Amino acid sequence: MLATDGWLPFKEEHFGYDEGLYAQATDLNKQADAGLLDYAEYVHQIALLADVTDAEVASNLDSNVPNRKLFAYIQERLKPNYKIGLLSNSGGDWLDRIFSPDQVALFDATVLSYQLGVVKPDPRMYEAIAQRLGVALDECVFVDDQQRYCTAAAEVGMQTVYYQTFDQTKRNLEKLLQ
């Protein structure tokens, strides 16, 4: 939701027809997100599995574009009034590759899965971001475009907003913040 995701369309196109390959690709992605597989090796393994070049995989994975409308809303409406955290399943520190320094500076704290060694929906991810922000879990509002991650956040006591569109998320978030 903070950026387009090149991985999901690539995975669907190259592995969606084969349940076994899809599961292998998903497992490789989880290993990379947890920091168990470095980015270059991850790209290479996915390329072998998809029978394409490493460059093609990297190009697809790096085709993320920031959600400028969402970043503007964070900067103008949320940042002046709230602590902002970033919690992401990430196989590397991609923040500086995708986002501008001004966009990265909007976050008061970040938790990236490869640094913690676990991935969402592990409760430790949600607990870590609350701790780094210096707030209680029940004071957090977690926003994600994956319903299962929202469910996991709610299970540890966070309020959640399931991101489907910018306008819907803004309405739901503003209801919670009133």
C-alpha atoms as a PDB file:
ATOM      1  CA  MET A   1       0.000   0.000   0.000  1.00  0.00           C
ATOM      2  CA  LEU A   2       2.944   2.356   0.572  1.00  0.00           C
ATOM      3  CA  ALA A   3       4.193   1.244  -2.829  1.00  0.00           C
ATOM      4  CA  THR A   4       3.142  -0.976  -5.680  1.00  0.00           C
ATOM      5  CA  ASP A   5       4.302  -4.554  -5.270  1.00  0.00           C
ATOM      6  CA  GLY A   6       6.226  -6.146  -8.129  1.00  0.00           C
ATOM      7  CA  TRP A   7       6.538  -9.525  -6.377  1.00  0.00           C
ATOM      8  CA  LEU A   8       2.890 -10.564  -6.252  1.00  0.00           C
ATOM      9  CA  PRO A   9       2.172 -10.097  -9.990  1.00  0.00           C
ATOM     10  CA  PHE A  10       5.468 -11.811 -10.858  1.00  0.00           C
ATOM     11  CA  LYS A  11       4.687 -14.761  -8.574  1.00  0.00           C
ATOM     12  CA  GLU A  12       1.199 -15.134 -10.008  1.00  0.00           C
ATOM     13  CA  GLU A  13       2.395 -14.942 -13.624  1.00  0.00           C
ATOM     14  CA  HIS A  14       5.309 -17.353 -13.271  1.00  0.00           C
ATOM     15  CA  PHE A  15       4.066 -19.796 -10.632  1.00  0.00           C
ATOM     16  CA  GLY A  16       0.288 -19.422 -10.431  1.00  0.00           C
ATOM     17  CA  TYR A  17      -0.251 -22.352 -12.775  1.00  0.00           C
ATOM     18  CA  ASP A  18       1.698 -24.801 -10.570  1.00  0.00           C
ATOM     19  CA  GLU A  19       0.850 -25.207  -6.880  1.00  0.00           C
ATOM     20  CA  GLY A  20       4.242 -26.752  -6.086  1.00  0.00           C
ATOM     21  CA  LEU A  21       6.265 -23.984  -7.748  1.00  0.00           C
ATOM     22  CA  TYR A  22       4.007 -21.376  -6.165  1.00  0.00           C
ATOM     23  CA  ALA A  23       4.694 -22.877  -2.714  1.00  0.00           C
ATOM     24  CA  GLN A  24       8.453 -22.988  -3.391  1.00  0.00           C
ATOM     25  CA  ALA A  25       8.480 -19.364  -4.529  1.00  0.00           C
ATOM     26  CA  THR A  26       6.452 -18.324  -1.483  1.00  0.00           C
ATOM     27  CA  ASP A  27       8.882 -20.164   0.793  1.00  0.00           C
ATOM     28  CA  LEU A  28      11.891 -18.489  -0.837  1.00  0.00           C
ATOM     29  CA  ASN A  29      10.198 -15.106  -0.353  1.00  0.00           C
ATOM     30  CA  LYS A  30       9.582 -15.849   3.335  1.00  0.00           C
ATOM     31  CA  GLN A  31      13.207 -16.908   3.787  1.00  0.00           C
ATOM     32  CA  ALA A  32      14.393 -13.656   2.207  1.00  0.00           C
ATOM     33  CA  ASP A  33      11.945 -11.603   4.285  1.00  0.00           C
ATOM     34  CA  ALA A  34      13.220 -13.247   7.465  1.00  0.00           C
ATOM     35  CA  GLY A  35      16.827 -12.471   6.518  1.00  0.00           C
ATOM     36  CA  LEU A  36      17.722 -16.137   5.994  1.00  0.00           C
ATOM     37  CA  LEU A  37      18.507 -15.653   2.302  1.00  0.00           C
ATOM     38  CA  ASP A  38      20.341 -12.615   0.947  1.00  0.00           C
ATOM     39  CA  TYR A  39      18.741 -10.608  -1.846  1.00  0.00           C
ATOM     40  CA  ALA A  40      21.080 -11.727  -4.636  1.00  0.00           C
ATOM     41  CA  GLU A  41      20.619 -15.398  -3.773  1.00  0.00           C
ATOM     42  CA  TYR A  42      16.858 -14.907  -3.477  1.00  0.00           C
ATOM     43  CA  VAL A  43      16.710 -13.312  -6.930  1.00  0.00           C
ATOM     44  CA  HIS A  44      18.865 -16.109  -8.358  1.00  0.00           C
ATOM     45  CA  GLN A  45      16.749 -18.896  -6.819  1.00  0.00           C
ATOM     46  CA  ILE A  46      13.524 -17.292  -8.053  1.00  0.00           C
ATOM     47  CA  ALA A  47      15.053 -16.892 -11.526  1.00  0.00           C
ATOM     48  CA  LEU A  48      15.984 -20.575 -11.618  1.00  0.00           C
ATOM     49  CA  LEU A  49      12.499 -21.558 -10.470  1.00  0.00           C
ATOM     50  CA  ALA A  50      10.811 -19.289 -13.067  1.00  0.00           C
ATOM     51  CA  ASP A  51      13.310 -20.156 -15.826  1.00  0.00           C
ATOM     52  CA  VAL A  52      14.110 -16.481 -16.449  1.00  0.00           C
ATOM     53  CA  THR A  53      17.210 -14.343 -15.936  1.00  0.00           C
ATOM     54  CA  ASP A  54      18.237 -12.845 -12.620  1.00  0.00           C
ATOM     55  CA  ALA A  55      17.910  -9.424 -14.267  1.00  0.00           C
ATOM     56  CA  GLU A  56      14.262 -10.089 -15.189  1.00  0.00           C
ATOM     57  CA  VAL A  57      13.426 -11.074 -11.618  1.00  0.00           C
ATOM     58  CA  ALA A  58      15.251  -8.056 -10.172  1.00  0.00           C
ATOM     59  CA  SER A  59      13.512  -5.727 -12.617  1.00  0.00           C
ATOM     60  CA  ASN A  60      10.093  -7.000 -11.568  1.00  0.00           C
ATOM     61  CA  LEU A  61      10.879  -6.921  -7.865  1.00  0.00           C
ATOM     62  CA  ASP A  62      12.316  -3.418  -8.071  1.00  0.00           C
ATOM     63  CA  SER A  63       9.365  -1.969 -10.001  1.00  0.00           C
ATOM     64  CA  ASN A  64       7.773  -0.550  -6.863  1.00  0.00           C
ATOM     65  CA  VAL A  65       6.384   2.983  -7.055  1.00  0.00           C
ATOM     66  CA  PRO A  66       5.542   4.967  -3.893  1.00  0.00           C
ATOM     67  CA  ASN A  67       1.881   5.734  -3.189  1.00  0.00           C
ATOM     68  CA  ARG A  68       2.257   9.520  -3.312  1.00  0.00           C
ATOM     69  CA  LYS A  69      -1.349  10.171  -2.261  1.00  0.00           C
ATOM     70  CA  LEU A  70      -0.897   8.069   0.876  1.00  0.00           C
ATOM     71  CA  PHE A  71       2.446   9.675   1.701  1.00  0.00           C
ATOM     72  CA  ALA A  72       0.915  13.158   1.318  1.00  0.00           C
ATOM     73  CA  TYR A  73      -1.887  12.182   3.715  1.00  0.00           C
ATOM     74  CA  ILE A  74       0.622  10.827   6.229  1.00  0.00           C
ATOM     75  CA  GLN A  75       2.711  14.001   6.002  1.00  0.00           C
ATOM     76  CA  GLU A  76      -0.136  16.512   6.123  1.00  0.00           C
ATOM     77  CA  ARG A  77      -2.696  14.873   8.424  1.00  0.00           C
ATOM     78  CA  LEU A  78      -1.106  12.096  10.464  1.00  0.00           C
ATOM     79  CA  LYS A  79       2.527  13.039  11.132  1.00  0.00           C
ATOM     80  CA  PRO A  80       1.703  16.331  12.882  1.00  0.00           C
ATOM     81  CA  ASN A  81      -0.528  14.501  15.384  1.00  0.00           C
ATOM     82  CA  TYR A  82       0.670  10.919  15.734  1.00  0.00           C
ATOM     83  CA  LYS A  83       3.746   8.727  15.870  1.00  0.00           C
ATOM     84  CA  ILE A  84       4.112   6.863  12.590  1.00  0.00           C
ATOM     85  CA  GLY A  85       5.659   3.416  12.330  1.00  0.00           C
ATOM     86  CA  LEU A  86       6.519   1.165   9.422  1.00  0.00           C
ATOM     87  CA  LEU A  87       6.182  -2.590   9.827  1.00  0.00           C
ATOM     88  CA  SER A  88       7.085  -4.655   6.774  1.00  0.00           C
ATOM     89  CA  ASN A  89       8.000  -8.117   5.627  1.00  0.00           C
ATOM     90  CA  SER A  90      11.187  -7.249   3.812  1.00  0.00           C
ATOM     91  CA  GLY A  91      14.169  -9.260   2.686  1.00  0.00           C
ATOM     92  CA  GLY A  92      16.447  -6.234   2.788  1.00  0.00           C
ATOM     93  CA  ASP A  93      16.569  -2.572   3.580  1.00  0.00           C
ATOM     94  CA  TRP A  94      14.580  -1.466   0.549  1.00  0.00           C
ATOM     95  CA  LEU A  95      13.391   1.790   2.104  1.00  0.00           C
ATOM     96  CA  ASP A  96      16.097   3.909   0.522  1.00  0.00           C
ATOM     97  CA  ARG A  97      15.674   2.232  -2.886  1.00  0.00           C
ATOM     98  CA  ILE A  98      11.927   2.855  -3.109  1.00  0.00           C
ATOM     99  CA  PHE A  99      11.247   5.946  -1.026  1.00  0.00           C
ATOM    100  CA  SER A 100      12.730   9.423  -0.974  1.00  0.00           C
ATOM    101  CA  PRO A 101      14.602  10.623   2.129  1.00  0.00           C
ATOM    102  CA  ASP A 102      11.601  12.854   2.968  1.00  0.00           C
ATOM    103  CA  GLN A 103       9.250   9.859   2.782  1.00  0.00           C
ATOM    104  CA  VAL A 104      11.514   7.709   4.985  1.00  0.00           C
ATOM    105  CA  ALA A 105      11.782  10.579   7.491  1.00  0.00           C
ATOM    106  CA  LEU A 106       8.017  10.388   8.107  1.00  0.00           C
ATOM    107  CA  PHE A 107       8.515   7.190  10.121  1.00  0.00           C
ATOM    108  CA  ASP A 108       9.342   7.514  13.797  1.00  0.00           C
ATOM    109  CA  ALA A 109      10.243   3.819  13.928  1.00  0.00           C
ATOM    110  CA  THR A 110      10.597   0.905  11.549  1.00  0.00           C
ATOM    111  CA  VAL A 111      10.536  -2.850  11.961  1.00  0.00           C
ATOM    112  CA  LEU A 112      11.668  -4.837   8.940  1.00  0.00           C
ATOM    113  CA  SER A 113      11.289  -8.599   9.111  1.00  0.00           C
ATOM    114  CA  TYR A 114      14.814  -9.402   7.962  1.00  0.00           C
ATOM    115  CA  GLN A 115      16.193  -7.418  10.927  1.00  0.00           C
ATOM    116  CA  LEU A 116      13.971  -9.191  13.444  1.00  0.00           C
ATOM    117  CA  GLY A 117      14.258 -12.653  11.887  1.00  0.00           C
ATOM    118  CA  VAL A 118      10.486 -13.221  11.822  1.00  0.00           C
ATOM    119  CA  VAL A 119       7.700 -12.192   9.451  1.00  0.00           C
ATOM    120  CA  LYS A 120       4.145 -10.946   9.833  1.00  0.00           C
ATOM    121  CA  PRO A 121       1.840 -12.351  11.149  1.00  0.00           C
ATOM    122  CA  ASP A 122       4.239 -13.315  13.973  1.00  0.00           C
ATOM    123  CA  PRO A 123       3.110 -11.374  17.088  1.00  0.00           C
ATOM    124  CA  ARG A 124       6.718 -10.299  17.750  1.00  0.00           C
ATOM    125  CA  MET A 125       6.559  -8.032  14.707  1.00  0.00           C
ATOM    126  CA  TYR A 126       3.609  -6.071  16.095  1.00  0.00           C
ATOM    127  CA  GLU A 127       5.067  -5.990  19.598  1.00  0.00           C
ATOM    128  CA  ALA A 128       8.387  -4.693  18.245  1.00  0.00           C
ATOM    129  CA  ILE A 129       6.862  -1.736  16.390  1.00  0.00           C
ATOM    130  CA  ALA A 130       4.784  -0.708  19.411  1.00  0.00           C
ATOM    131  CA  GLN A 131       7.878  -0.925  21.602  1.00  0.00           C
ATOM    132  CA  ARG A 132       9.997   1.112  19.173  1.00  0.00           C
ATOM    133  CA  LEU A 133       7.276   3.749  18.985  1.00  0.00           C
ATOM    134  CA  GLY A 134       7.021   3.782  22.781  1.00  0.00           C
ATOM    135  CA  VAL A 135       3.286   3.106  22.844  1.00  0.00           C
ATOM    136  CA  ALA A 136       1.030   0.343  24.132  1.00  0.00           C
ATOM    137  CA  LEU A 137      -0.370  -2.147  21.642  1.00  0.00           C
ATOM    138  CA  ASP A 138      -3.918  -0.921  22.268  1.00  0.00           C
ATOM    139  CA  GLU A 139      -2.833   2.615  21.354  1.00  0.00           C
ATOM    140  CA  CYS A 140      -1.720   1.490  17.885  1.00  0.00           C
ATOM    141  CA  VAL A 141      -3.732   1.575  14.697  1.00  0.00           C
ATOM    142  CA  PHE A 142      -2.309  -0.931  12.237  1.00  0.00           C
ATOM    143  CA  VAL A 143      -3.054  -0.424   8.530  1.00  0.00           C
ATOM    144  CA  ASP A 144      -2.311  -3.136   5.982  1.00  0.00           C
ATOM    145  CA  ASP A 145      -3.500  -4.333   2.593  1.00  0.00           C
ATOM    146  CA  GLN A 146      -3.466  -7.959   3.736  1.00  0.00           C
ATOM    147  CA  GLN A 147      -6.469  -8.948   5.868  1.00  0.00           C
ATOM    148  CA  ARG A 148      -4.524 -11.752   7.606  1.00  0.00           C
ATOM    149  CA  TYR A 149      -1.992  -9.248   8.909  1.00  0.00           C
ATOM    150  CA  CYS A 150      -4.787  -7.033  10.228  1.00  0.00           C
ATOM    151  CA  THR A 151      -6.305 -10.058  11.957  1.00  0.00           C
ATOM    152  CA  ALA A 152      -2.971 -10.865  13.600  1.00  0.00           C
ATOM    153  CA  ALA A 153      -2.544  -7.248  14.723  1.00  0.00           C
ATOM    154  CA  ALA A 154      -6.026  -7.283  16.260  1.00  0.00           C
ATOM    155  CA  GLU A 155      -5.162 -10.496  18.100  1.00  0.00           C
ATOM    156  CA  VAL A 156      -2.316  -8.706  19.923  1.00  0.00           C
ATOM    157  CA  GLY A 157      -4.604  -5.791  20.814  1.00  0.00           C
ATOM    158  CA  MET A 158      -4.080  -3.264  18.030  1.00  0.00           C
ATOM    159  CA  GLN A 159      -6.899  -1.480  16.273  1.00  0.00           C
ATOM    160  CA  THR A 160      -6.787  -2.154  12.550  1.00  0.00           C
ATOM    161  CA  VAL A 161      -7.772  -0.745   9.201  1.00  0.00           C
ATOM    162  CA  TYR A 162      -7.749  -3.040   6.182  1.00  0.00           C
ATOM    163  CA  TYR A 163      -6.430  -0.996   3.242  1.00  0.00           C
ATOM    164  CA  GLN A 164      -8.402  -1.604   0.058  1.00  0.00           C
ATOM    165  CA  THR A 165      -8.423   1.874  -1.472  1.00  0.00           C
ATOM    166  CA  PHE A 166      -6.976   5.163  -0.333  1.00  0.00           C
ATOM    167  CA  ASP A 167     -10.380   6.823   0.142  1.00  0.00           C
ATOM    168  CA  GLN A 168     -11.856   3.881   2.085  1.00  0.00           C
ATOM    169  CA  THR A 169      -8.772   3.700   4.307  1.00  0.00           C
ATOM    170  CA  LYS A 170      -8.813   7.431   4.988  1.00  0.00           C
ATOM    171  CA  ARG A 171     -12.505   7.286   6.003  1.00  0.00           C
ATOM    172  CA  ASN A 172     -11.994   4.254   8.268  1.00  0.00           C
ATOM    173  CA  LEU A 173      -8.863   5.667   9.825  1.00  0.00           C
ATOM    174  CA  GLU A 174     -10.424   9.045  10.529  1.00  0.00           C
ATOM    175  CA  LYS A 175     -13.410   7.319  12.220  1.00  0.00           C
ATOM    176  CA  LEU A 176     -10.996   5.536  14.547  1.00  0.00           C
ATOM    177  CA  LEU A 177      -9.002   8.687  15.294  1.00  0.00           C
ATOM    178  CA  GLN A 178     -12.014  10.834  16.261  1.00  0.00           C
END
